[in-house]
Amino acid sequence: MSQAAGDASGLWIHAASDAALTVDVLGGLILNFDGGAAGSTDWILKWSGNRLAALGSPLDDGYVTVNRSGYVVFYDIGQHATFVTVPEPG
């Protein structure tokens, strides 16, 4: 999954279920940030509901990887969604 430079969006999983994302352990899922506006924060994965636990294991086990260091996974209560984001270089 790639995010184009300057695009502040990515893969949005609208289904609020831990089973909504299945990652093939042989292939994995790579979240590739291509860049954006300096000083901004871009998200590449947004999943409806609190999916911190559902994303934690695949990230920890290396089935989901992010091409940038410093990425953040957080739950936003206002949007009722879990995000994978990175700060863009400033």
PDB file of N, CA and C in Angstrom:
ATOM      1  N   MET A   1       0.854  -1.166   0.000  1.00  0.00           N
ATOM      2  CA  MET A   1       0.000   0.000   0.000  1.00  0.00           C
ATOM      3  C   MET A   1       0.893   1.219   0.000  1.00  0.00           C
ATOM      4  N   SER A   2       0.770   2.059  -1.008  1.00  0.00           N
ATOM      5  CA  SER A   2       1.588   3.268  -1.091  1.00  0.00           C
ATOM      6  C   SER A   2       0.719   4.508  -0.999  1.00  0.00           C
ATOM      7  N   GLN A   3       1.280   5.528  -0.382  1.00  0.00           N
ATOM      8  CA  GLN A   3       0.625   6.822  -0.290  1.00  0.00           C
ATOM      9  C   GLN A   3       1.424   7.793  -1.142  1.00  0.00           C
ATOM     10  N   ALA A   4       0.758   8.440  -2.072  1.00  0.00           N
ATOM     11  CA  ALA A   4       1.438   9.385  -2.961  1.00  0.00           C
ATOM     12  C   ALA A   4       1.895  10.609  -2.193  1.00  0.00           C
ATOM     13  N   ALA A   5       2.955  11.231  -2.659  1.00  0.00           N
ATOM     14  CA  ALA A   5       3.486  12.428  -2.013  1.00  0.00           C
ATOM     15  C   ALA A   5       2.415  13.494  -1.891  1.00  0.00           C
ATOM     16  N   GLY A   6       2.271  14.030  -0.696  1.00  0.00           N
ATOM     17  CA  GLY A   6       1.310  15.100  -0.462  1.00  0.00           C
ATOM     18  C   GLY A   6      -0.110  14.643  -0.241  1.00  0.00           C
ATOM     19  N   ASP A   7      -0.394  13.359  -0.372  1.00  0.00           N
ATOM     20  CA  ASP A   7      -1.737  12.834  -0.177  1.00  0.00           C
ATOM     21  C   ASP A   7      -1.907  12.481   1.293  1.00  0.00           C
ATOM     22  N   ALA A   8      -2.875  13.099   1.964  1.00  0.00           N
ATOM     23  CA  ALA A   8      -3.066  12.886   3.400  1.00  0.00           C
ATOM     24  C   ALA A   8      -4.101  11.795   3.669  1.00  0.00           C
ATOM     25  N   SER A   9      -4.120  10.766   2.859  1.00  0.00           N
ATOM     26  CA  SER A   9      -5.052   9.661   3.076  1.00  0.00           C
ATOM     27  C   SER A   9      -4.411   8.370   2.601  1.00  0.00           C
ATOM     28  N   GLY A  10      -5.067   7.268   2.919  1.00  0.00           N
ATOM     29  CA  GLY A  10      -4.546   5.964   2.540  1.00  0.00           C
ATOM     30  C   GLY A  10      -5.652   4.937   2.535  1.00  0.00           C
ATOM     31  N   LEU A  11      -5.374   3.751   3.031  1.00  0.00           N
ATOM     32  CA  LEU A  11      -6.344   2.667   3.090  1.00  0.00           C
ATOM     33  C   LEU A  11      -7.260   2.882   4.283  1.00  0.00           C
ATOM     34  N   TRP A  12      -8.566   2.986   4.036  1.00  0.00           N
ATOM     35  CA  TRP A  12      -9.546   3.182   5.093  1.00  0.00           C
ATOM     36  C   TRP A  12     -10.417   1.945   5.159  1.00  0.00           C
ATOM     37  N   ILE A  13     -10.310   1.218   6.262  1.00  0.00           N
ATOM     38  CA  ILE A  13     -11.131   0.030   6.473  1.00  0.00           C
ATOM     39  C   ILE A  13     -12.341   0.460   7.286  1.00  0.00           C
ATOM     40  N   HIS A  14     -13.498   0.496   6.630  1.00  0.00           N
ATOM     41  CA  HIS A  14     -14.719   0.983   7.267  1.00  0.00           C
ATOM     42  C   HIS A  14     -15.343  -0.056   8.190  1.00  0.00           C
ATOM     43  N   ALA A  15     -15.047  -1.326   7.999  1.00  0.00           N
ATOM     44  CA  ALA A  15     -15.634  -2.385   8.816  1.00  0.00           C
ATOM     45  C   ALA A  15     -15.043  -2.342  10.222  1.00  0.00           C
ATOM     46  N   ALA A  16     -15.915  -2.254  11.217  1.00  0.00           N
ATOM     47  CA  ALA A  16     -15.461  -2.198  12.616  1.00  0.00           C
ATOM     48  C   ALA A  16     -15.392  -3.604  13.192  1.00  0.00           C
ATOM     49  N   SER A  17     -14.459  -4.383  12.676  1.00  0.00           N
ATOM     50  CA  SER A  17     -14.279  -5.763  13.126  1.00  0.00           C
ATOM     51  C   SER A  17     -12.795  -6.099  13.064  1.00  0.00           C
ATOM     52  N   ASP A  18     -12.304  -6.800  14.074  1.00  0.00           N
ATOM     53  CA  ASP A  18     -10.897  -7.203  14.057  1.00  0.00           C
ATOM     54  C   ASP A  18     -10.595  -8.140  12.891  1.00  0.00           C
ATOM     55  N   ALA A  19     -11.615  -8.790  12.339  1.00  0.00           N
ATOM     56  CA  ALA A  19     -11.433  -9.727  11.229  1.00  0.00           C
ATOM     57  C   ALA A  19     -11.486  -9.025   9.869  1.00  0.00           C
ATOM     58  N   ALA A  20     -11.635  -7.704   9.848  1.00  0.00           N
ATOM     59  CA  ALA A  20     -11.762  -6.973   8.586  1.00  0.00           C
ATOM     60  C   ALA A  20     -10.447  -6.914   7.810  1.00  0.00           C
ATOM     61  N   LEU A  21      -9.328  -7.132   8.484  1.00  0.00           N
ATOM     62  CA  LEU A  21      -8.020  -7.113   7.821  1.00  0.00           C
ATOM     63  C   LEU A  21      -7.334  -8.439   8.062  1.00  0.00           C
ATOM     64  N   THR A  22      -7.057  -9.146   6.980  1.00  0.00           N
ATOM     65  CA  THR A  22      -6.315 -10.398   7.060  1.00  0.00           C
ATOM     66  C   THR A  22      -5.038 -10.215   6.261  1.00  0.00           C
ATOM     67  N   VAL A  23      -3.903 -10.463   6.895  1.00  0.00           N
ATOM     68  CA  VAL A  23      -2.610 -10.294   6.235  1.00  0.00           C
ATOM     69  C   VAL A  23      -2.012 -11.670   5.996  1.00  0.00           C
ATOM     70  N   ASP A  24      -1.669 -11.946   4.739  1.00  0.00           N
ATOM     71  CA  ASP A  24      -1.019 -13.197   4.380  1.00  0.00           C
ATOM     72  C   ASP A  24       0.388 -13.195   4.983  1.00  0.00           C
ATOM     73  N   VAL A  25       0.653 -14.145   5.865  1.00  0.00           N
ATOM     74  CA  VAL A  25       1.953 -14.158   6.555  1.00  0.00           C
ATOM     75  C   VAL A  25       3.112 -14.416   5.607  1.00  0.00           C
ATOM     76  N   LEU A  26       2.852 -14.966   4.430  1.00  0.00           N
ATOM     77  CA  LEU A  26       3.925 -15.200   3.462  1.00  0.00           C
ATOM     78  C   LEU A  26       4.271 -13.926   2.696  1.00  0.00           C
ATOM     79  N   GLY A  27       3.277 -13.067   2.488  1.00  0.00           N
ATOM     80  CA  GLY A  27       3.517 -11.857   1.716  1.00  0.00           C
ATOM     81  C   GLY A  27       3.620 -10.606   2.555  1.00  0.00           C
ATOM     82  N   GLY A  28       2.778 -10.507   3.562  1.00  0.00           N
ATOM     83  CA  GLY A  28       2.777  -9.340   4.430  1.00  0.00           C
ATOM     84  C   GLY A  28       2.119  -8.138   3.786  1.00  0.00           C
ATOM     85  N   LEU A  29       2.114  -7.054   4.521  1.00  0.00           N
ATOM     86  CA  LEU A  29       1.560  -5.782   4.060  1.00  0.00           C
ATOM     87  C   LEU A  29       2.592  -4.712   4.368  1.00  0.00           C
ATOM     88  N   ILE A  30       3.011  -3.972   3.343  1.00  0.00           N
ATOM     89  CA  ILE A  30       3.982  -2.894   3.514  1.00  0.00           C
ATOM     90  C   ILE A  30       3.240  -1.571   3.355  1.00  0.00           C
ATOM     91  N   LEU A  31       3.318  -0.736   4.377  1.00  0.00           N
ATOM     92  CA  LEU A  31       2.743   0.604   4.331  1.00  0.00           C
ATOM     93  C   LEU A  31       3.865   1.554   3.957  1.00  0.00           C
ATOM     94  N   ASN A  32       3.792   2.095   2.732  1.00  0.00           N
ATOM     95  CA  ASN A  32       4.881   2.856   2.137  1.00  0.00           C
ATOM     96  C   ASN A  32       4.496   4.325   2.018  1.00  0.00           C
ATOM     97  N   PHE A  33       5.101   5.173   2.843  1.00  0.00           N
ATOM     98  CA  PHE A  33       4.892   6.614   2.763  1.00  0.00           C
ATOM     99  C   PHE A  33       5.880   7.193   1.766  1.00  0.00           C
ATOM    100  N   ASP A  34       5.367   7.900   0.751  1.00  0.00           N
ATOM    101  CA  ASP A  34       6.222   8.492  -0.275  1.00  0.00           C
ATOM    102  C   ASP A  34       6.602   9.936   0.023  1.00  0.00           C
ATOM    103  N   GLY A  35       6.049  10.503   1.068  1.00  0.00           N
ATOM    104  CA  GLY A  35       6.380  11.887   1.416  1.00  0.00           C
ATOM    105  C   GLY A  35       5.163  12.782   1.356  1.00  0.00           C
ATOM    106  N   GLY A  36       5.351  13.998   1.777  1.00  0.00           N
ATOM    107  CA  GLY A  36       4.254  14.960   1.801  1.00  0.00           C
ATOM    108  C   GLY A  36       4.768  16.317   2.204  1.00  0.00           C
ATOM    109  N   ALA A  37       3.861  17.151   2.628  1.00  0.00           N
ATOM    110  CA  ALA A  37       4.218  18.511   3.016  1.00  0.00           C
ATOM    111  C   ALA A  37       5.061  18.492   4.285  1.00  0.00           C
ATOM    112  N   ALA A  38       6.107  19.266   4.295  1.00  0.00           N
ATOM    113  CA  ALA A  38       6.996  19.326   5.457  1.00  0.00           C
ATOM    114  C   ALA A  38       6.226  19.759   6.692  1.00  0.00           C
ATOM    115  N   GLY A  39       6.455  19.058   7.789  1.00  0.00           N
ATOM    116  CA  GLY A  39       5.834  19.412   9.045  1.00  0.00           C
ATOM    117  C   GLY A  39       4.416  18.898   9.241  1.00  0.00           C
ATOM    118  N   SER A  40       3.861  18.216   8.250  1.00  0.00           N
ATOM    119  CA  SER A  40       2.496  17.703   8.373  1.00  0.00           C
ATOM    120  C   SER A  40       2.528  16.261   8.876  1.00  0.00           C
ATOM    121  N   THR A  41       1.363  15.731   9.182  1.00  0.00           N
ATOM    122  CA  THR A  41       1.230  14.334   9.571  1.00  0.00           C
ATOM    123  C   THR A  41       0.304  13.658   8.584  1.00  0.00           C
ATOM    124  N   ASP A  42       0.740  12.571   8.006  1.00  0.00           N
ATOM    125  CA  ASP A  42      -0.063  11.834   7.031  1.00  0.00           C
ATOM    126  C   ASP A  42      -0.434  10.471   7.590  1.00  0.00           C
ATOM    127  N   TRP A  43      -1.620  10.001   7.253  1.00  0.00           N
ATOM    128  CA  TRP A  43      -1.996   8.639   7.631  1.00  0.00           C
ATOM    129  C   TRP A  43      -2.063   7.771   6.398  1.00  0.00           C
ATOM    130  N   ILE A  44      -1.704   6.502   6.563  1.00  0.00           N
ATOM    131  CA  ILE A  44      -1.761   5.545   5.468  1.00  0.00           C
ATOM    132  C   ILE A  44      -2.765   4.445   5.743  1.00  0.00           C
ATOM    133  N   LEU A  45      -3.109   4.244   7.009  1.00  0.00           N
ATOM    134  CA  LEU A  45      -4.106   3.238   7.368  1.00  0.00           C
ATOM    135  C   LEU A  45      -5.034   3.814   8.417  1.00  0.00           C
ATOM    136  N   LYS A  46      -6.337   3.745   8.147  1.00  0.00           N
ATOM    137  CA  LYS A  46      -7.375   4.187   9.077  1.00  0.00           C
ATOM    138  C   LYS A  46      -8.379   3.047   9.170  1.00  0.00           C
ATOM    139  N   TRP A  47      -8.652   2.610  10.397  1.00  0.00           N
ATOM    140  CA  TRP A  47      -9.520   1.451  10.603  1.00  0.00           C
ATOM    141  C   TRP A  47     -10.584   1.838  11.611  1.00  0.00           C
ATOM    142  N   SER A  48     -11.838   1.764  11.223  1.00  0.00           N
ATOM    143  CA  SER A  48     -12.943   2.144  12.094  1.00  0.00           C
ATOM    144  C   SER A  48     -12.911   1.358  13.394  1.00  0.00           C
ATOM    145  N   GLY A  49     -13.114   2.059  14.509  1.00  0.00           N
ATOM    146  CA  GLY A  49     -13.114   1.435  15.828  1.00  0.00           C
ATOM    147  C   GLY A  49     -11.731   1.435  16.455  1.00  0.00           C
ATOM    148  N   ASN A  50     -11.659   0.899  17.662  1.00  0.00           N
ATOM    149  CA  ASN A  50     -10.385   0.791  18.373  1.00  0.00           C
ATOM    150  C   ASN A  50      -9.720  -0.517  17.971  1.00  0.00           C
ATOM    151  N   ARG A  51      -8.758  -0.446  17.059  1.00  0.00           N
ATOM    152  CA  ARG A  51      -8.082  -1.629  16.515  1.00  0.00           C
ATOM    153  C   ARG A  51      -6.624  -1.693  16.953  1.00  0.00           C
ATOM    154  N   LEU A  52      -6.294  -1.069  18.079  1.00  0.00           N
ATOM    155  CA  LEU A  52      -4.908  -1.088  18.556  1.00  0.00           C
ATOM    156  C   LEU A  52      -4.412  -2.513  18.763  1.00  0.00           C
ATOM    157  N   ALA A  53      -5.205  -3.355  19.395  1.00  0.00           N
ATOM    158  CA  ALA A  53      -4.790  -4.741  19.630  1.00  0.00           C
ATOM    159  C   ALA A  53      -4.706  -5.514  18.321  1.00  0.00           C
ATOM    160  N   ALA A  54      -5.660  -5.292  17.425  1.00  0.00           N
ATOM    161  CA  ALA A  54      -5.681  -6.019  16.154  1.00  0.00           C
ATOM    162  C   ALA A  54      -4.482  -5.657  15.282  1.00  0.00           C
ATOM    163  N   LEU A  55      -4.009  -4.417  15.360  1.00  0.00           N
ATOM    164  CA  LEU A  55      -2.832  -4.000  14.584  1.00  0.00           C
ATOM    165  C   LEU A  55      -1.524  -4.305  15.297  1.00  0.00           C
ATOM    166  N   GLY A  56      -1.575  -4.380  16.629  1.00  0.00           N
ATOM    167  CA  GLY A  56      -0.351  -4.582  17.404  1.00  0.00           C
ATOM    168  C   GLY A  56       0.393  -5.843  17.045  1.00  0.00           C
ATOM    169  N   SER A  57      -0.297  -6.958  16.995  1.00  0.00           N
ATOM    170  CA  SER A  57       0.370  -8.236  16.710  1.00  0.00           C
ATOM    171  C   SER A  57       0.986  -8.280  15.314  1.00  0.00           C
ATOM    172  N   PRO A  58       0.243  -7.925  14.251  1.00  0.00           N
ATOM    173  CA  PRO A  58       0.871  -7.962  12.923  1.00  0.00           C
ATOM    174  C   PRO A  58       2.078  -7.026  12.797  1.00  0.00           C
ATOM    175  N   LEU A  59       2.024  -5.858  13.450  1.00  0.00           N
ATOM    176  CA  LEU A  59       3.168  -4.941  13.421  1.00  0.00           C
ATOM    177  C   LEU A  59       4.333  -5.519  14.220  1.00  0.00           C
ATOM    178  N   ASP A  60       4.048  -6.018  15.413  1.00  0.00           N
ATOM    179  CA  ASP A  60       5.105  -6.583  16.261  1.00  0.00           C
ATOM    180  C   ASP A  60       5.762  -7.799  15.619  1.00  0.00           C
ATOM    181  N   ASP A  61       4.967  -8.607  14.919  1.00  0.00           N
ATOM    182  CA  ASP A  61       5.472  -9.836  14.311  1.00  0.00           C
ATOM    183  C   ASP A  61       6.072  -9.614  12.924  1.00  0.00           C
ATOM    184  N   GLY A  62       5.972  -8.391  12.398  1.00  0.00           N
ATOM    185  CA  GLY A  62       6.566  -8.075  11.107  1.00  0.00           C
ATOM    186  C   GLY A  62       5.720  -8.433   9.902  1.00  0.00           C
ATOM    187  N   TYR A  63       4.456  -8.797  10.103  1.00  0.00           N
ATOM    188  CA  TYR A  63       3.572  -9.091   8.971  1.00  0.00           C
ATOM    189  C   TYR A  63       3.080  -7.806   8.320  1.00  0.00           C
ATOM    190  N   VAL A  64       3.008  -6.740   9.104  1.00  0.00           N
ATOM    191  CA  VAL A  64       2.730  -5.403   8.588  1.00  0.00           C
ATOM    192  C   VAL A  64       3.960  -4.575   8.905  1.00  0.00           C
ATOM    193  N   THR A  65       4.539  -3.954   7.877  1.00  0.00           N
ATOM    194  CA  THR A  65       5.721  -3.129   8.077  1.00  0.00           C
ATOM    195  C   THR A  65       5.465  -1.725   7.542  1.00  0.00           C
ATOM    196  N   VAL A  66       6.183  -0.768   8.106  1.00  0.00           N
ATOM    197  CA  VAL A  66       6.071   0.634   7.704  1.00  0.00           C
ATOM    198  C   VAL A  66       7.455   1.081   7.251  1.00  0.00           C
ATOM    199  N   ASN A  67       7.506   1.753   6.102  1.00  0.00           N
ATOM    200  CA  ASN A  67       8.813   2.113   5.532  1.00  0.00           C
ATOM    201  C   ASN A  67       9.468   3.322   6.190  1.00  0.00           C
ATOM    202  N   ARG A  68       8.822   3.941   7.148  1.00  0.00           N
ATOM    203  CA  ARG A  68       9.398   5.090   7.836  1.00  0.00           C
ATOM    204  C   ARG A  68       9.524   4.809   9.325  1.00  0.00           C
ATOM    205  N   SER A  69      10.627   5.203   9.907  1.00  0.00           N
ATOM    206  CA  SER A  69      10.742   5.103  11.356  1.00  0.00           C
ATOM    207  C   SER A  69       9.912   6.231  11.964  1.00  0.00           C
ATOM    208  N   GLY A  70       9.575   6.086  13.194  1.00  0.00           N
ATOM    209  CA  GLY A  70       8.816   7.124  13.878  1.00  0.00           C
ATOM    210  C   GLY A  70       7.327   7.099  13.583  1.00  0.00           C
ATOM    211  N   TYR A  71       6.839   6.019  12.979  1.00  0.00           N
ATOM    212  CA  TYR A  71       5.397   5.949  12.743  1.00  0.00           C
ATOM    213  C   TYR A  71       4.673   5.774  14.078  1.00  0.00           C
ATOM    214  N   VAL A  72       3.408   6.165  14.091  1.00  0.00           N
ATOM    215  CA  VAL A  72       2.602   6.113  15.302  1.00  0.00           C
ATOM    216  C   VAL A  72       1.293   5.402  14.988  1.00  0.00           C
ATOM    217  N   VAL A  73       0.889   4.523  15.896  1.00  0.00           N
ATOM    218  CA  VAL A  73      -0.419   3.870  15.806  1.00  0.00           C
ATOM    219  C   VAL A  73      -1.226   4.388  16.987  1.00  0.00           C
ATOM    220  N   PHE A  74      -2.379   4.990  16.716  1.00  0.00           N
ATOM    221  CA  PHE A  74      -3.181   5.540  17.809  1.00  0.00           C
ATOM    222  C   PHE A  74      -4.667   5.440  17.495  1.00  0.00           C
ATOM    223  N   TYR A  75      -5.453   5.464  18.552  1.00  0.00           N
ATOM    224  CA  TYR A  75      -6.911   5.469  18.443  1.00  0.00           C
ATOM    225  C   TYR A  75      -7.403   6.891  18.683  1.00  0.00           C
ATOM    226  N   ASP A  76      -8.201   7.412  17.752  1.00  0.00           N
ATOM    227  CA  ASP A  76      -8.786   8.740  17.870  1.00  0.00           C
ATOM    228  C   ASP A  76     -10.245   8.576  18.283  1.00  0.00           C
ATOM    229  N   ILE A  77     -10.555   8.936  19.536  1.00  0.00           N
ATOM    230  CA  ILE A  77     -11.902   8.732  20.061  1.00  0.00           C
ATOM    231  C   ILE A  77     -12.937   9.581  19.302  1.00  0.00           C
ATOM    232  N   GLY A  78     -12.550  10.775  18.865  1.00  0.00           N
ATOM    233  CA  GLY A  78     -13.467  11.651  18.136  1.00  0.00           C
ATOM    234  C   GLY A  78     -13.890  11.076  16.797  1.00  0.00           C
ATOM    235  N   GLN A  79     -12.964  10.428  16.100  1.00  0.00           N
ATOM    236  CA  GLN A  79     -13.282   9.825  14.801  1.00  0.00           C
ATOM    237  C   GLN A  79     -13.642   8.355  14.944  1.00  0.00           C
ATOM    238  N   HIS A  80     -13.500   7.825  16.160  1.00  0.00           N
ATOM    239  CA  HIS A  80     -13.738   6.408  16.445  1.00  0.00           C
ATOM    240  C   HIS A  80     -13.014   5.533  15.407  1.00  0.00           C
ATOM    241  N   ALA A  81     -11.702   5.800  15.296  1.00  0.00           N
ATOM    242  CA  ALA A  81     -10.892   5.087  14.313  1.00  0.00           C
ATOM    243  C   ALA A  81      -9.455   4.982  14.819  1.00  0.00           C
ATOM    244  N   THR A  82      -8.765   3.940  14.356  1.00  0.00           N
ATOM    245  CA  THR A  82      -7.356   3.727  14.669  1.00  0.00           C
ATOM    246  C   THR A  82      -6.542   4.108  13.431  1.00  0.00           C
ATOM    247  N   PHE A  83      -5.447   4.832  13.647  1.00  0.00           N
ATOM    248  CA  PHE A  83      -4.631   5.343  12.552  1.00  0.00           C
ATOM    249  C   PHE A  83      -3.205   4.820  12.641  1.00  0.00           C
ATOM    250  N   VAL A  84      -2.562   4.670  11.471  1.00  0.00           N
ATOM    251  CA  VAL A  84      -1.109   4.525  11.369  1.00  0.00           C
ATOM    252  C   VAL A  84      -0.663   5.786  10.627  1.00  0.00           C
ATOM    253  N   THR A  85       0.151   6.595  11.311  1.00  0.00           N
ATOM    254  CA  THR A  85       0.576   7.881  10.758  1.00  0.00           C
ATOM    255  C   THR A  85       2.090   8.039  10.846  1.00  0.00           C
ATOM    256  N   VAL A  86       2.596   8.982  10.076  1.00  0.00           N
ATOM    257  CA  VAL A  86       3.996   9.407  10.202  1.00  0.00           C
ATOM    258  C   VAL A  86       4.053  10.915  10.113  1.00  0.00           C
ATOM    259  N   PRO A  87       4.986  11.531  10.848  1.00  0.00           N
ATOM    260  CA  PRO A  87       5.234  12.960  10.626  1.00  0.00           C
ATOM    261  C   PRO A  87       6.093  13.108   9.385  1.00  0.00           C
ATOM    262  N   GLU A  88       5.769  14.063   8.558  1.00  0.00           N
ATOM    263  CA  GLU A  88       6.573  14.315   7.372  1.00  0.00           C
ATOM    264  C   GLU A  88       7.814  15.097   7.772  1.00  0.00           C
ATOM    265  N   PRO A  89       8.920  14.912   7.056  1.00  0.00           N
ATOM    266  CA  PRO A  89      10.158  15.621   7.383  1.00  0.00           C
ATOM    267  C   PRO A  89       9.944  17.136   7.311  1.00  0.00           C
ATOM    268  N   GLY A  90      10.501  17.847   8.269  1.00  0.00           N
ATOM    269  CA  GLY A  90      10.297  19.307   8.327  1.00  0.00           C
ATOM    270  C   GLY A  90      11.431  20.097   7.826  1.00  0.00           C
TER     271      GLY A  90
END
